[in-house]
Structures are given as C-alpha cells and as structure tokens.
C-alpha cells in the first residue's frame, strides 16, 4: 500500500506545473514587459485589449506569440500552433482609460484563468502600471507602478482609489465586491 501511494505521489508531481528558477521568471517578465510596451499606445487609441502568450520552445528559448486584438473589456489569446511550445505566461493590456472601469489592477478573472492554465500573467494598465499574477500563490503583485509603462494621456490619477502593490485572491474578491464595475477579460487556453 505504501509503495502504491509513493507511486501516485511521483506521478502527481510529474503532472504538476513546471518549477521556475528566479532567473527564468526574470526572463519571462522582461519579455512580457517588452511585449506590453509595444502594445500600449495601440490599446489606448483603439480602446481595445491586446493579448498573447509567452512560451518555452523545446530548445529552451522564450518566445511571445503575436498579440491578438480583443474587445474593450476582453481578449482571448490563441495558443501556440507548434504544440511543442509550452505556455508559461499570458500577457494583456487593459485598454484605454475609463473612469467606470477598475482597470488599474488585474481582475479576479485574470488571476483565476491564469491559475487554471498554470501560467504567470502580466497586465499593463491605462495608468502604466505593470502587474504579475502568480498562479502558484494565487496572488498579484505590482512589478512597477504608475508610469513605468506608457500611460494613456487621458488617464486621471486617483480615479481608481487606493491601489495596493500586492493582493491575495481574497483581497481581490473583496475589492471587486465593493469596487463597482470591473474591466474584465474572458479567455482561457482551454477554449483554444
């Protein structure tokens, strides 16, 4: 019986999401930031989200998929055509500034979808904030604050209220429960 449980534990760990060294995460973050910087102005001018995926090739190289144009409040990235590329992260913009949208933080849907897909998520906001969703801890953290990425010229400081630099899933749910309308996206690799 103990041998069977050990075998099940070994199989379960083999199916778990890949472990990442801190240097891997830095390289993924750098590529996500570069991809998002190139999309911000286009996202503002058309008031559309743009999204894509970052994957690791069989040779170990990180690549970003071409960005896909989404809707005002949603974007569904395509998976990689080459099925040997392993998705490791998603990236998306939050479109143009809208005083009715709580777009300066990732949404609960952003976090939950990245958790389900077992990928990190990177989000650029209209105020130029750069966020990471961490599927491992089910939390978000601000990598750099307002203006570290290109910001929408129409952006108004203070409209989104207090912006913490880190939030747990529970704190995000509380924010959305009392925060009014949300700027959501609906996407999942499972749909591709």
N, C-alpha and C. Protein backbone atom coordinates (compact mmCIF):
# COMPACT_ATOMS: atom_id res chain seq x y z
N UNK A 1 0.82 -1.18 0.00
CA UNK A 1 0.00 0.00 0.00
C UNK A 1 0.87 1.26 0.00
N UNK A 2 1.93 1.31 0.83
CA UNK A 2 2.80 2.47 0.87
C UNK A 2 3.48 2.68 -0.47
N UNK A 3 3.87 1.57 -1.12
CA UNK A 3 4.52 1.67 -2.42
C UNK A 3 3.57 2.29 -3.45
N UNK A 4 2.30 1.90 -3.42
CA UNK A 4 1.31 2.45 -4.33
C UNK A 4 1.13 3.95 -4.11
N UNK A 5 1.05 4.37 -2.84
CA UNK A 5 0.90 5.79 -2.55
C UNK A 5 2.13 6.57 -3.01
N UNK A 6 3.31 6.00 -2.85
CA UNK A 6 4.53 6.66 -3.30
C UNK A 6 4.50 6.81 -4.81
N UNK A 7 4.06 5.78 -5.52
CA UNK A 7 3.98 5.86 -6.98
C UNK A 7 2.98 6.93 -7.41
N UNK A 8 1.84 7.00 -6.73
CA UNK A 8 0.86 8.03 -7.05
C UNK A 8 1.43 9.42 -6.80
N UNK A 9 2.19 9.57 -5.73
CA UNK A 9 2.81 10.86 -5.42
C UNK A 9 3.82 11.25 -6.49
N UNK A 10 4.59 10.28 -6.98
CA UNK A 10 5.56 10.56 -8.04
C UNK A 10 4.85 10.96 -9.32
N UNK A 11 3.78 10.25 -9.69
CA UNK A 11 3.02 10.58 -10.89
C UNK A 11 2.39 11.97 -10.75
N UNK A 12 1.83 12.28 -9.58
CA UNK A 12 1.20 13.58 -9.36
C UNK A 12 2.22 14.71 -9.50
N UNK A 13 3.41 14.51 -8.96
CA UNK A 13 4.41 15.58 -9.05
C UNK A 13 4.91 15.75 -10.48
N UNK A 14 4.91 14.68 -11.25
CA UNK A 14 5.33 14.77 -12.65
C UNK A 14 4.32 15.57 -13.47
N UNK A 15 3.04 15.57 -13.04
CA UNK A 15 2.00 16.27 -13.76
C UNK A 15 1.86 17.72 -13.31
N UNK A 16 2.52 18.09 -12.24
CA UNK A 16 2.41 19.45 -11.71
C UNK A 16 3.05 20.43 -12.68
N UNK A 17 2.69 21.70 -12.52
CA UNK A 17 3.25 22.75 -13.36
C UNK A 17 4.76 22.80 -13.16
N UNK A 18 5.50 23.18 -14.20
CA UNK A 18 6.96 23.21 -14.08
C UNK A 18 7.43 24.21 -13.04
N UNK A 19 8.53 23.86 -12.38
CA UNK A 19 9.13 24.78 -11.40
C UNK A 19 9.95 25.82 -12.16
N UNK A 20 10.02 27.01 -11.63
CA UNK A 20 10.75 28.09 -12.28
C UNK A 20 11.83 28.61 -11.37
N UNK A 21 13.03 28.74 -11.92
CA UNK A 21 14.12 29.41 -11.20
C UNK A 21 13.85 30.90 -11.27
N UNK A 22 14.37 31.64 -10.33
CA UNK A 22 14.17 33.09 -10.33
C UNK A 22 14.68 33.73 -11.62
N UNK A 23 15.77 33.21 -12.18
CA UNK A 23 16.28 33.75 -13.44
C UNK A 23 15.30 33.52 -14.59
N UNK A 24 14.59 32.37 -14.58
CA UNK A 24 13.57 32.11 -15.60
C UNK A 24 12.45 33.13 -15.50
N UNK A 25 11.99 33.38 -14.28
CA UNK A 25 10.90 34.32 -14.07
C UNK A 25 11.32 35.74 -14.49
N UNK A 26 12.55 36.11 -14.24
CA UNK A 26 13.05 37.42 -14.67
C UNK A 26 13.03 37.53 -16.19
N UNK A 27 13.45 36.48 -16.87
CA UNK A 27 13.47 36.49 -18.34
C UNK A 27 12.04 36.54 -18.90
N UNK A 28 11.12 35.81 -18.29
CA UNK A 28 9.71 35.83 -18.71
C UNK A 28 9.14 37.23 -18.50
N UNK A 29 9.43 37.82 -17.35
CA UNK A 29 8.94 39.17 -17.03
C UNK A 29 9.48 40.19 -18.02
N UNK A 30 10.74 40.09 -18.35
CA UNK A 30 11.37 41.03 -19.30
C UNK A 30 10.69 40.94 -20.67
N UNK A 31 10.43 39.72 -21.14
CA UNK A 31 9.78 39.54 -22.43
C UNK A 31 8.34 40.06 -22.39
N UNK A 32 7.63 39.81 -21.30
CA UNK A 32 6.26 40.30 -21.16
C UNK A 32 6.24 41.83 -21.18
N UNK A 33 7.16 42.45 -20.45
CA UNK A 33 7.21 43.92 -20.40
C UNK A 33 7.47 44.49 -21.79
N UNK A 34 8.42 43.92 -22.51
CA UNK A 34 8.74 44.37 -23.87
C UNK A 34 7.50 44.25 -24.78
N UNK A 35 6.80 43.14 -24.67
CA UNK A 35 5.59 42.92 -25.48
C UNK A 35 4.51 43.93 -25.15
N UNK A 36 4.31 44.19 -23.86
CA UNK A 36 3.26 45.12 -23.45
C UNK A 36 3.59 46.57 -23.80
N UNK A 37 4.84 46.96 -23.66
CA UNK A 37 5.24 48.32 -24.04
C UNK A 37 4.88 48.58 -25.50
N UNK A 38 5.12 47.60 -26.35
CA UNK A 38 4.86 47.78 -27.78
C UNK A 38 3.36 47.86 -28.10
N UNK A 39 2.50 47.46 -27.16
CA UNK A 39 1.05 47.42 -27.42
C UNK A 39 0.26 48.56 -26.78
N UNK A 40 0.84 49.24 -25.80
CA UNK A 40 0.07 50.20 -25.01
C UNK A 40 -0.60 51.29 -25.86
N UNK A 41 0.13 51.97 -26.72
CA UNK A 41 -0.46 53.08 -27.50
C UNK A 41 -1.57 52.59 -28.42
N UNK A 42 -1.37 51.46 -29.03
CA UNK A 42 -2.39 50.86 -29.90
C UNK A 42 -3.63 50.52 -29.08
N UNK A 43 -3.42 50.01 -27.87
CA UNK A 43 -4.51 49.66 -26.97
C UNK A 43 -5.32 50.90 -26.58
N UNK A 44 -4.64 52.01 -26.33
CA UNK A 44 -5.32 53.25 -25.95
C UNK A 44 -6.10 53.84 -27.13
N UNK A 45 -5.43 53.93 -28.28
CA UNK A 45 -6.06 54.60 -29.43
C UNK A 45 -7.31 53.87 -29.92
N UNK A 46 -7.31 52.56 -29.86
CA UNK A 46 -8.48 51.81 -30.30
C UNK A 46 -9.40 51.39 -29.17
N UNK A 47 -9.02 51.69 -27.93
CA UNK A 47 -9.74 51.25 -26.73
C UNK A 47 -10.07 49.76 -26.80
N UNK A 48 -9.03 48.98 -27.03
CA UNK A 48 -9.15 47.53 -27.11
C UNK A 48 -8.05 46.90 -26.28
N UNK A 49 -8.35 45.73 -25.73
CA UNK A 49 -7.31 44.95 -25.08
C UNK A 49 -6.55 44.19 -26.16
N UNK A 50 -5.27 43.98 -25.91
CA UNK A 50 -4.44 43.14 -26.76
C UNK A 50 -3.81 42.09 -25.86
N UNK A 51 -3.72 40.87 -26.38
CA UNK A 51 -3.23 39.80 -25.52
C UNK A 51 -2.42 38.79 -26.32
N UNK A 52 -1.66 38.01 -25.58
CA UNK A 52 -0.85 36.96 -26.19
C UNK A 52 -0.31 36.03 -25.13
N UNK A 53 0.52 35.12 -25.57
CA UNK A 53 1.11 34.12 -24.68
C UNK A 53 2.62 34.14 -24.82
N UNK A 54 3.29 33.73 -23.77
CA UNK A 54 4.73 33.51 -23.79
C UNK A 54 4.94 32.02 -23.57
N UNK A 55 5.81 31.44 -24.37
CA UNK A 55 6.05 30.01 -24.26
C UNK A 55 7.53 29.68 -24.31
N UNK A 56 7.82 28.45 -23.93
CA UNK A 56 9.19 27.95 -23.97
C UNK A 56 9.26 26.88 -25.05
N UNK A 57 10.22 27.07 -25.98
CA UNK A 57 10.40 26.10 -27.06
C UNK A 57 11.12 24.86 -26.52
N UNK A 58 11.16 23.82 -27.33
CA UNK A 58 11.86 22.60 -26.93
C UNK A 58 13.36 22.85 -26.75
N UNK A 59 13.88 23.91 -27.37
CA UNK A 59 15.30 24.28 -27.21
C UNK A 59 15.52 25.15 -25.97
N UNK A 60 14.44 25.49 -25.26
CA UNK A 60 14.55 26.28 -24.04
C UNK A 60 14.43 27.78 -24.25
N UNK A 61 14.19 28.22 -25.48
CA UNK A 61 14.07 29.65 -25.79
C UNK A 61 12.67 30.15 -25.41
N UNK A 62 12.60 31.37 -24.87
CA UNK A 62 11.31 32.01 -24.58
C UNK A 62 10.87 32.80 -25.80
N UNK A 63 9.60 32.64 -26.19
CA UNK A 63 9.06 33.40 -27.31
C UNK A 63 7.68 33.93 -26.93
N UNK A 64 7.32 35.06 -27.52
CA UNK A 64 6.00 35.64 -27.33
C UNK A 64 5.18 35.41 -28.60
N UNK A 65 3.94 35.00 -28.43
CA UNK A 65 3.07 34.86 -29.58
C UNK A 65 2.70 36.25 -30.09
N UNK A 66 2.33 36.35 -31.36
CA UNK A 66 1.84 37.64 -31.84
C UNK A 66 0.61 38.06 -31.03
N UNK A 67 0.50 39.34 -30.75
CA UNK A 67 -0.64 39.83 -29.97
C UNK A 67 -1.92 39.73 -30.80
N UNK A 68 -2.99 39.49 -30.09
CA UNK A 68 -4.31 39.41 -30.72
C UNK A 68 -5.15 40.58 -30.21
N UNK A 69 -5.87 41.22 -31.11
CA UNK A 69 -6.76 42.33 -30.75
C UNK A 69 -8.02 41.75 -30.12
N UNK A 70 -8.38 42.27 -28.96
CA UNK A 70 -9.57 41.82 -28.27
C UNK A 70 -10.68 42.86 -28.33
N UNK A 71 -11.54 42.80 -27.35
CA UNK A 71 -12.66 43.74 -27.23
C UNK A 71 -12.29 44.84 -26.24
N UNK A 72 -13.22 45.72 -25.96
CA UNK A 72 -12.99 46.78 -24.99
C UNK A 72 -12.65 46.21 -23.63
N UNK A 73 -13.30 45.12 -23.27
CA UNK A 73 -13.06 44.55 -21.94
C UNK A 73 -12.84 43.05 -21.99
N UNK A 74 -12.07 42.60 -22.95
CA UNK A 74 -11.76 41.18 -23.00
C UNK A 74 -10.86 40.84 -24.17
N UNK A 75 -10.13 39.75 -24.00
CA UNK A 75 -9.23 39.30 -25.05
C UNK A 75 -8.95 37.82 -24.85
N UNK A 76 -8.99 37.07 -25.93
CA UNK A 76 -8.79 35.63 -25.88
C UNK A 76 -7.58 35.27 -26.74
N UNK A 77 -6.38 35.10 -26.13
CA UNK A 77 -5.20 34.82 -26.95
C UNK A 77 -5.25 33.43 -27.57
N UNK A 78 -4.63 33.31 -28.70
CA UNK A 78 -4.50 32.00 -29.33
C UNK A 78 -3.34 31.25 -28.67
N UNK A 79 -3.48 29.95 -28.60
CA UNK A 79 -2.36 29.12 -28.15
C UNK A 79 -1.33 29.05 -29.27
N UNK A 80 -0.24 28.38 -28.99
CA UNK A 80 0.81 28.24 -29.99
C UNK A 80 0.44 27.14 -30.98
N UNK A 81 0.64 27.41 -32.28
CA UNK A 81 0.37 26.40 -33.31
C UNK A 81 1.31 25.21 -33.13
N UNK A 82 2.55 25.50 -32.78
CA UNK A 82 3.54 24.46 -32.52
C UNK A 82 3.28 23.90 -31.12
N UNK A 83 2.75 22.71 -31.05
CA UNK A 83 2.35 22.12 -29.76
C UNK A 83 3.53 21.69 -28.90
N UNK A 84 4.76 21.81 -29.43
CA UNK A 84 5.92 21.51 -28.58
C UNK A 84 6.29 22.72 -27.71
N UNK A 85 5.70 23.88 -28.02
CA UNK A 85 5.95 25.08 -27.21
C UNK A 85 5.07 25.02 -25.97
N UNK A 86 5.70 25.13 -24.81
CA UNK A 86 4.98 25.04 -23.54
C UNK A 86 4.62 26.45 -23.07
N UNK A 87 3.31 26.77 -22.93
CA UNK A 87 2.93 28.08 -22.43
C UNK A 87 3.40 28.27 -20.99
N UNK A 88 4.00 29.43 -20.71
CA UNK A 88 4.47 29.73 -19.35
C UNK A 88 3.85 31.01 -18.80
N UNK A 89 3.29 31.86 -19.68
CA UNK A 89 2.71 33.12 -19.22
C UNK A 89 1.72 33.67 -20.25
N UNK A 90 0.81 34.48 -19.74
CA UNK A 90 -0.08 35.26 -20.59
C UNK A 90 0.31 36.72 -20.44
N UNK A 91 -0.07 37.54 -21.40
CA UNK A 91 0.11 38.99 -21.26
C UNK A 91 -1.08 39.68 -21.90
N UNK A 92 -1.50 40.80 -21.31
CA UNK A 92 -2.56 41.59 -21.93
C UNK A 92 -2.59 43.02 -21.41
N UNK A 93 -3.12 43.90 -22.25
CA UNK A 93 -3.33 45.28 -21.88
C UNK A 93 -4.74 45.42 -21.33
N UNK A 94 -5.01 46.55 -20.69
CA UNK A 94 -6.36 46.82 -20.17
C UNK A 94 -7.04 47.94 -20.93
N UNK A 95 -6.60 48.23 -22.15
CA UNK A 95 -7.28 49.21 -22.98
C UNK A 95 -7.08 50.64 -22.52
N UNK A 96 -7.96 51.52 -23.00
CA UNK A 96 -7.90 52.94 -22.70
C UNK A 96 -8.49 53.24 -21.32
N UNK A 97 -8.14 54.41 -20.80
CA UNK A 97 -8.68 54.84 -19.51
C UNK A 97 -10.20 54.99 -19.60
N UNK A 98 -10.88 54.47 -18.60
CA UNK A 98 -12.33 54.57 -18.48
C UNK A 98 -12.63 54.77 -17.00
N UNK A 99 -13.21 55.91 -16.65
CA UNK A 99 -13.44 56.19 -15.23
C UNK A 99 -14.40 55.20 -14.57
N UNK A 100 -15.14 54.42 -15.36
CA UNK A 100 -16.07 53.42 -14.82
C UNK A 100 -15.42 52.05 -14.63
N UNK A 101 -14.20 51.88 -15.09
CA UNK A 101 -13.54 50.58 -15.02
C UNK A 101 -12.43 50.58 -13.97
N UNK A 102 -12.37 49.54 -13.17
CA UNK A 102 -11.31 49.38 -12.18
C UNK A 102 -10.14 48.66 -12.86
N UNK A 103 -9.56 49.33 -13.86
CA UNK A 103 -8.58 48.71 -14.74
C UNK A 103 -7.14 48.89 -14.28
N UNK A 104 -6.91 49.49 -13.12
CA UNK A 104 -5.54 49.69 -12.65
C UNK A 104 -4.99 48.49 -11.88
N UNK A 105 -5.80 47.46 -11.73
CA UNK A 105 -5.35 46.20 -11.13
C UNK A 105 -5.87 45.06 -11.99
N UNK A 106 -5.18 43.92 -11.99
CA UNK A 106 -5.73 42.76 -12.68
C UNK A 106 -7.07 42.37 -12.04
N UNK A 107 -7.93 41.76 -12.81
CA UNK A 107 -9.22 41.33 -12.29
C UNK A 107 -9.09 39.94 -11.66
N UNK A 108 -10.09 39.59 -10.90
CA UNK A 108 -10.17 38.25 -10.32
C UNK A 108 -10.20 37.21 -11.44
N UNK A 109 -10.90 37.53 -12.52
CA UNK A 109 -10.94 36.61 -13.68
C UNK A 109 -9.54 36.42 -14.26
N UNK A 110 -8.76 37.51 -14.33
CA UNK A 110 -7.38 37.39 -14.82
C UNK A 110 -6.62 36.36 -13.99
N UNK A 111 -6.69 36.51 -12.67
CA UNK A 111 -5.96 35.61 -11.78
C UNK A 111 -6.48 34.18 -11.89
N UNK A 112 -7.79 34.01 -11.88
CA UNK A 112 -8.37 32.66 -11.90
C UNK A 112 -8.07 31.92 -13.20
N UNK A 113 -8.08 32.63 -14.31
CA UNK A 113 -7.79 31.99 -15.59
C UNK A 113 -6.32 31.58 -15.66
N UNK A 114 -5.43 32.47 -15.21
CA UNK A 114 -4.01 32.11 -15.19
C UNK A 114 -3.76 30.94 -14.23
N UNK A 115 -4.47 30.91 -13.12
CA UNK A 115 -4.35 29.79 -12.17
C UNK A 115 -4.81 28.49 -12.85
N UNK A 116 -5.93 28.53 -13.52
CA UNK A 116 -6.44 27.34 -14.20
C UNK A 116 -5.49 26.87 -15.30
N UNK A 117 -4.87 27.83 -16.00
CA UNK A 117 -3.95 27.50 -17.09
C UNK A 117 -2.53 27.18 -16.59
N UNK A 118 -2.28 27.43 -15.29
CA UNK A 118 -0.96 27.19 -14.68
C UNK A 118 0.13 28.00 -15.36
N UNK A 119 -0.18 29.28 -15.59
CA UNK A 119 0.79 30.20 -16.18
C UNK A 119 0.82 31.48 -15.35
N UNK A 120 1.93 32.18 -15.42
CA UNK A 120 2.01 33.52 -14.85
C UNK A 120 1.22 34.44 -15.77
N UNK A 121 0.77 35.57 -15.27
CA UNK A 121 0.06 36.53 -16.10
C UNK A 121 0.68 37.90 -15.93
N UNK A 122 0.72 38.66 -17.00
CA UNK A 122 1.27 40.02 -16.96
C UNK A 122 0.25 40.97 -17.55
N UNK A 123 0.02 42.07 -16.83
CA UNK A 123 -1.03 43.02 -17.20
C UNK A 123 -0.46 44.43 -17.22
N UNK A 124 -0.78 45.17 -18.29
CA UNK A 124 -0.44 46.59 -18.40
C UNK A 124 -1.73 47.39 -18.25
N UNK A 125 -1.68 48.42 -17.42
CA UNK A 125 -2.89 49.22 -17.15
C UNK A 125 -2.85 50.55 -17.89
N UNK A 126 -4.01 51.23 -17.99
CA UNK A 126 -4.02 52.55 -18.63
C UNK A 126 -3.12 53.57 -17.93
N UNK A 127 -2.91 53.41 -16.63
CA UNK A 127 -2.02 54.30 -15.89
C UNK A 127 -0.55 53.94 -16.01
N UNK A 128 -0.25 52.89 -16.77
CA UNK A 128 1.13 52.47 -16.98
C UNK A 128 1.70 51.58 -15.90
N UNK A 129 0.83 50.96 -15.10
CA UNK A 129 1.31 50.01 -14.09
C UNK A 129 1.57 48.66 -14.77
N UNK A 130 2.49 47.90 -14.20
CA UNK A 130 2.87 46.58 -14.71
C UNK A 130 2.69 45.57 -13.58
N UNK A 131 1.78 44.64 -13.79
CA UNK A 131 1.40 43.66 -12.77
C UNK A 131 1.76 42.24 -13.19
N UNK A 132 1.93 41.38 -12.20
CA UNK A 132 2.09 39.94 -12.44
C UNK A 132 1.08 39.18 -11.60
N UNK A 133 0.36 38.25 -12.25
CA UNK A 133 -0.45 37.30 -11.49
C UNK A 133 0.43 36.07 -11.27
N UNK A 134 0.42 35.59 -10.04
CA UNK A 134 1.23 34.42 -9.68
C UNK A 134 0.30 33.25 -9.39
N UNK A 135 0.23 32.33 -10.33
CA UNK A 135 -0.68 31.19 -10.17
C UNK A 135 -0.29 30.32 -8.99
N UNK A 136 0.99 30.34 -8.60
CA UNK A 136 1.45 29.48 -7.51
C UNK A 136 0.86 29.90 -6.17
N UNK A 137 0.80 31.20 -5.92
CA UNK A 137 0.29 31.71 -4.64
C UNK A 137 -1.12 32.28 -4.77
N UNK A 138 -1.67 32.28 -5.99
CA UNK A 138 -2.99 32.87 -6.27
C UNK A 138 -3.05 34.30 -5.74
N UNK A 139 -2.07 35.08 -6.17
CA UNK A 139 -1.99 36.47 -5.75
C UNK A 139 -1.46 37.30 -6.91
N UNK A 140 -1.52 38.63 -6.74
CA UNK A 140 -0.97 39.54 -7.73
C UNK A 140 0.01 40.47 -7.04
N UNK A 141 0.98 40.95 -7.83
CA UNK A 141 1.89 41.96 -7.29
C UNK A 141 2.26 42.93 -8.40
N UNK A 142 2.41 44.17 -7.99
CA UNK A 142 2.78 45.22 -8.92
C UNK A 142 4.30 45.17 -9.10
N UNK A 143 4.73 44.96 -10.32
CA UNK A 143 6.17 44.92 -10.60
C UNK A 143 6.73 46.34 -10.61
N UNK A 144 5.99 47.25 -11.23
CA UNK A 144 6.36 48.65 -11.16
C UNK A 144 5.10 49.49 -11.28
N UNK A 145 5.14 50.67 -10.69
CA UNK A 145 3.95 51.50 -10.51
C UNK A 145 3.61 52.39 -11.69
N UNK A 146 2.67 53.29 -11.40
CA UNK A 146 2.12 54.20 -12.38
C UNK A 146 3.22 54.87 -13.20
N UNK A 147 3.07 54.79 -14.52
CA UNK A 147 4.00 55.44 -15.43
C UNK A 147 5.25 54.64 -15.77
N UNK A 148 5.39 53.43 -15.25
CA UNK A 148 6.59 52.66 -15.62
C UNK A 148 6.45 52.04 -17.01
N UNK A 149 5.21 51.93 -17.50
CA UNK A 149 4.92 51.58 -18.89
C UNK A 149 4.23 52.81 -19.50
N UNK A 150 4.11 52.88 -20.81
CA UNK A 150 3.38 54.01 -21.38
C UNK A 150 1.97 54.11 -20.78
N UNK A 151 1.54 55.34 -20.47
CA UNK A 151 0.23 55.58 -19.88
C UNK A 151 -0.67 56.31 -20.88
N UNK A 152 -1.96 56.06 -20.77
CA UNK A 152 -2.95 56.73 -21.61
C UNK A 152 -2.93 58.22 -21.26
N UNK A 153 -2.78 59.10 -22.26
CA UNK A 153 -2.80 60.54 -21.96
C UNK A 153 -4.08 60.99 -21.26
N UNK A 154 -5.17 60.25 -21.42
CA UNK A 154 -6.45 60.60 -20.77
C UNK A 154 -6.53 60.09 -19.33
N UNK A 155 -5.54 59.34 -18.89
CA UNK A 155 -5.57 58.76 -17.54
C UNK A 155 -5.65 59.84 -16.47
N UNK A 156 -6.53 59.64 -15.50
CA UNK A 156 -6.71 60.56 -14.37
C UNK A 156 -6.28 59.86 -13.09
N UNK A 157 -5.29 60.42 -12.43
CA UNK A 157 -4.77 59.87 -11.18
C UNK A 157 -5.84 59.93 -10.10
N UNK A 158 -5.95 58.84 -9.33
CA UNK A 158 -6.84 58.82 -8.18
C UNK A 158 -8.23 58.28 -8.45
N UNK A 159 -8.62 58.12 -9.70
CA UNK A 159 -9.98 57.66 -10.02
C UNK A 159 -10.23 56.22 -9.56
N UNK A 160 -9.17 55.41 -9.48
CA UNK A 160 -9.33 54.00 -9.11
C UNK A 160 -9.22 53.78 -7.60
N UNK A 161 -9.05 54.86 -6.85
CA UNK A 161 -8.93 54.72 -5.40
C UNK A 161 -7.56 54.19 -5.02
N UNK A 162 -7.49 53.58 -3.85
CA UNK A 162 -6.23 53.05 -3.34
C UNK A 162 -5.79 51.85 -4.17
N UNK A 163 -4.56 51.87 -4.62
CA UNK A 163 -4.00 50.76 -5.40
C UNK A 163 -2.89 50.12 -4.57
N UNK A 164 -3.17 48.98 -3.95
CA UNK A 164 -2.10 48.29 -3.21
C UNK A 164 -1.07 47.72 -4.17
N UNK A 165 0.09 47.38 -3.65
CA UNK A 165 1.13 46.81 -4.51
C UNK A 165 1.05 45.29 -4.58
N UNK A 166 0.31 44.67 -3.67
CA UNK A 166 0.11 43.22 -3.68
C UNK A 166 -1.30 42.94 -3.18
N UNK A 167 -1.91 41.87 -3.69
CA UNK A 167 -3.21 41.43 -3.20
C UNK A 167 -3.33 39.91 -3.30
N UNK A 168 -3.96 39.33 -2.33
CA UNK A 168 -4.31 37.91 -2.39
C UNK A 168 -5.61 37.78 -3.17
N UNK A 169 -5.96 36.56 -3.51
CA UNK A 169 -7.21 36.33 -4.21
C UNK A 169 -8.39 36.83 -3.37
N UNK A 170 -8.33 36.59 -2.08
CA UNK A 170 -9.41 37.02 -1.19
C UNK A 170 -9.54 38.55 -1.19
N UNK A 171 -8.42 39.25 -1.13
CA UNK A 171 -8.45 40.71 -1.16
C UNK A 171 -8.98 41.22 -2.50
N UNK A 172 -8.64 40.54 -3.58
CA UNK A 172 -9.15 40.92 -4.89
C UNK A 172 -10.67 40.75 -4.94
N UNK A 173 -11.15 39.64 -4.40
CA UNK A 173 -12.60 39.39 -4.37
C UNK A 173 -13.32 40.46 -3.56
N UNK A 174 -12.73 40.85 -2.44
CA UNK A 174 -13.32 41.92 -1.63
C UNK A 174 -13.35 43.23 -2.41
N UNK A 175 -12.27 43.53 -3.11
CA UNK A 175 -12.22 44.76 -3.90
C UNK A 175 -13.29 44.75 -4.98
N UNK A 176 -13.45 43.65 -5.65
CA UNK A 176 -14.44 43.58 -6.71
C UNK A 176 -15.86 43.59 -6.16
N UNK A 177 -16.03 43.06 -4.97
CA UNK A 177 -17.36 43.03 -4.37
C UNK A 177 -17.87 44.41 -3.99
N UNK A 178 -16.97 45.33 -3.72
CA UNK A 178 -17.38 46.68 -3.33
C UNK A 178 -16.85 47.73 -4.29
N UNK A 179 -16.15 47.33 -5.32
CA UNK A 179 -15.46 48.28 -6.19
C UNK A 179 -16.22 48.74 -7.40
N UNK A 180 -17.44 48.30 -7.59
CA UNK A 180 -18.21 48.75 -8.74
C UNK A 180 -17.85 47.98 -10.00
N UNK A 181 -18.10 48.58 -11.18
CA UNK A 181 -17.88 47.87 -12.45
C UNK A 181 -16.43 47.43 -12.61
N UNK A 182 -16.25 46.34 -13.27
CA UNK A 182 -14.92 45.77 -13.49
C UNK A 182 -14.59 45.80 -14.97
N UNK A 183 -13.34 45.85 -15.23
CA UNK A 183 -12.80 45.77 -16.58
C UNK A 183 -12.29 44.34 -16.72
N UNK A 184 -13.12 43.46 -17.27
CA UNK A 184 -12.80 42.03 -17.28
C UNK A 184 -12.41 41.56 -18.66
N UNK A 185 -11.68 40.48 -18.69
CA UNK A 185 -11.42 39.77 -19.93
C UNK A 185 -11.86 38.34 -19.71
N UNK A 186 -12.24 37.69 -20.76
CA UNK A 186 -12.64 36.29 -20.65
C UNK A 186 -11.82 35.50 -21.65
N UNK A 187 -10.91 34.73 -21.16
CA UNK A 187 -10.10 33.90 -22.04
C UNK A 187 -9.57 32.71 -21.27
N UNK A 188 -9.28 31.68 -21.98
CA UNK A 188 -8.66 30.51 -21.39
C UNK A 188 -8.00 29.71 -22.49
N UNK A 189 -6.87 29.15 -22.19
CA UNK A 189 -6.23 28.28 -23.18
C UNK A 189 -7.11 27.09 -23.50
N UNK A 190 -7.95 26.69 -22.55
CA UNK A 190 -8.82 25.55 -22.77
C UNK A 190 -9.80 25.80 -23.92
N UNK A 191 -10.08 27.06 -24.23
CA UNK A 191 -11.02 27.39 -25.29
C UNK A 191 -10.37 27.37 -26.66
N UNK A 192 -9.05 27.31 -26.71
CA UNK A 192 -8.34 27.38 -27.99
C UNK A 192 -8.19 26.03 -28.62
